[in-house]
Amino acid sequence: MHRYALRDDQWLRIRDMLPGREGHVGGTPPDNRLFVDAVIFCYRTSIPWRDLPSRYDHWK
């Protein structure tokens, strides 16, 4: 687990509250957890979205 990533127990608590989950209206993203981890990383490090490390995939 990365320093700025959610633990499994934290993820289990919020995953059903996010849009884009299975059975939800609209598109389903390939990995909601990766997106949430990227948002947390940006918040905690105060970096712009475009400067995300490559482990979070392409910033666009």
C-alpha atoms as a PDB file:
ATOM      1  CA  MET A   1       0.000   0.000   0.000  1.00  0.00           C
ATOM      2  CA  HIS A   2       1.222   3.478  -0.804  1.00  0.00           C
ATOM      3  CA  ARG A   3       1.523   6.151   1.821  1.00  0.00           C
ATOM      4  CA  TYR A   4      -1.361   8.221   0.452  1.00  0.00           C
ATOM      5  CA  ALA A   5      -3.671   5.341  -0.454  1.00  0.00           C
ATOM      6  CA  LEU A   6      -6.782   4.228   1.359  1.00  0.00           C
ATOM      7  CA  ARG A   7      -6.566   1.110   3.485  1.00  0.00           C
ATOM      8  CA  ASP A   8      -8.873  -1.744   2.509  1.00  0.00           C
ATOM      9  CA  ASP A   9     -11.202  -1.131   5.469  1.00  0.00           C
ATOM     10  CA  GLN A  10     -11.524   2.560   4.540  1.00  0.00           C
ATOM     11  CA  TRP A  11     -12.265   1.700   0.922  1.00  0.00           C
ATOM     12  CA  LEU A  12     -14.966  -0.794   1.933  1.00  0.00           C
ATOM     13  CA  ARG A  13     -16.721   1.928   3.930  1.00  0.00           C
ATOM     14  CA  ILE A  14     -17.016   4.416   1.045  1.00  0.00           C
ATOM     15  CA  ARG A  15     -17.068   2.383  -2.180  1.00  0.00           C
ATOM     16  CA  ASP A  16     -20.861   2.032  -2.299  1.00  0.00           C
ATOM     17  CA  MET A  17     -21.372   5.789  -1.881  1.00  0.00           C
ATOM     18  CA  LEU A  18     -19.468   6.797  -5.006  1.00  0.00           C
ATOM     19  CA  PRO A  19     -21.039   7.467  -8.398  1.00  0.00           C
ATOM     20  CA  GLY A  20     -19.973   5.203 -11.221  1.00  0.00           C
ATOM     21  CA  ARG A  21     -20.282   1.953  -9.302  1.00  0.00           C
ATOM     22  CA  GLU A  22     -21.786  -1.214 -10.754  1.00  0.00           C
ATOM     23  CA  GLY A  23     -25.546  -0.901 -11.199  1.00  0.00           C
ATOM     24  CA  HIS A  24     -25.430   2.899 -10.908  1.00  0.00           C
ATOM     25  CA  VAL A  25     -26.825   5.127 -13.650  1.00  0.00           C
ATOM     26  CA  GLY A  26     -24.133   6.306 -16.046  1.00  0.00           C
ATOM     27  CA  GLY A  27     -20.742   4.947 -16.953  1.00  0.00           C
ATOM     28  CA  THR A  28     -18.688   2.683 -14.760  1.00  0.00           C
ATOM     29  CA  PRO A  29     -15.016   3.680 -14.516  1.00  0.00           C
ATOM     30  CA  PRO A  30     -12.348   1.002 -14.717  1.00  0.00           C
ATOM     31  CA  ASP A  31     -11.088   1.715 -11.186  1.00  0.00           C
ATOM     32  CA  ASN A  32     -12.920   4.034  -8.779  1.00  0.00           C
ATOM     33  CA  ARG A  33     -10.425   3.306  -6.013  1.00  0.00           C
ATOM     34  CA  LEU A  34      -7.492   4.503  -8.107  1.00  0.00           C
ATOM     35  CA  PHE A  35      -9.312   7.786  -8.738  1.00  0.00           C
ATOM     36  CA  VAL A  36     -10.055   8.293  -5.031  1.00  0.00           C
ATOM     37  CA  ASP A  37      -6.439   7.527  -4.148  1.00  0.00           C
ATOM     38  CA  ALA A  38      -5.285  10.068  -6.752  1.00  0.00           C
ATOM     39  CA  VAL A  39      -7.560  12.750  -5.289  1.00  0.00           C
ATOM     40  CA  ILE A  40      -6.216  12.048  -1.792  1.00  0.00           C
ATOM     41  CA  PHE A  41      -2.640  12.180  -3.102  1.00  0.00           C
ATOM     42  CA  CYS A  42      -3.243  15.583  -4.726  1.00  0.00           C
ATOM     43  CA  TYR A  43      -4.890  16.920  -1.590  1.00  0.00           C
ATOM     44  CA  ARG A  44      -2.168  15.742   0.781  1.00  0.00           C
ATOM     45  CA  THR A  45       0.762  16.812  -1.394  1.00  0.00           C
ATOM     46  CA  SER A  46      -0.783  20.011  -2.800  1.00  0.00           C
ATOM     47  CA  ILE A  47       0.246  19.155  -6.352  1.00  0.00           C
ATOM     48  CA  PRO A  48      -1.724  19.944  -9.519  1.00  0.00           C
ATOM     49  CA  TRP A  49      -3.681  17.082 -11.072  1.00  0.00           C
ATOM     50  CA  ARG A  50      -1.383  17.034 -14.114  1.00  0.00           C
ATOM     51  CA  ASP A  51       1.643  16.299 -11.876  1.00  0.00           C
ATOM     52  CA  LEU A  52       0.301  12.993 -10.562  1.00  0.00           C
ATOM     53  CA  PRO A  53       2.835  10.142 -10.479  1.00  0.00           C
ATOM     54  CA  SER A  54       2.513   7.551 -13.236  1.00  0.00           C
ATOM     55  CA  ARG A  55       1.131   4.912 -10.811  1.00  0.00           C
ATOM     56  CA  TYR A  56      -2.181   6.813 -10.980  1.00  0.00           C
ATOM     57  CA  ASP A  57      -2.289   6.408 -14.771  1.00  0.00           C
ATOM     58  CA  HIS A  58      -2.410   9.323 -17.182  1.00  0.00           C
ATOM     59  CA  TRP A  59      -3.770  12.498 -15.583  1.00  0.00           C
ATOM     60  CA  LYS A  60      -6.342  13.091 -18.324  1.00  0.00           C
END
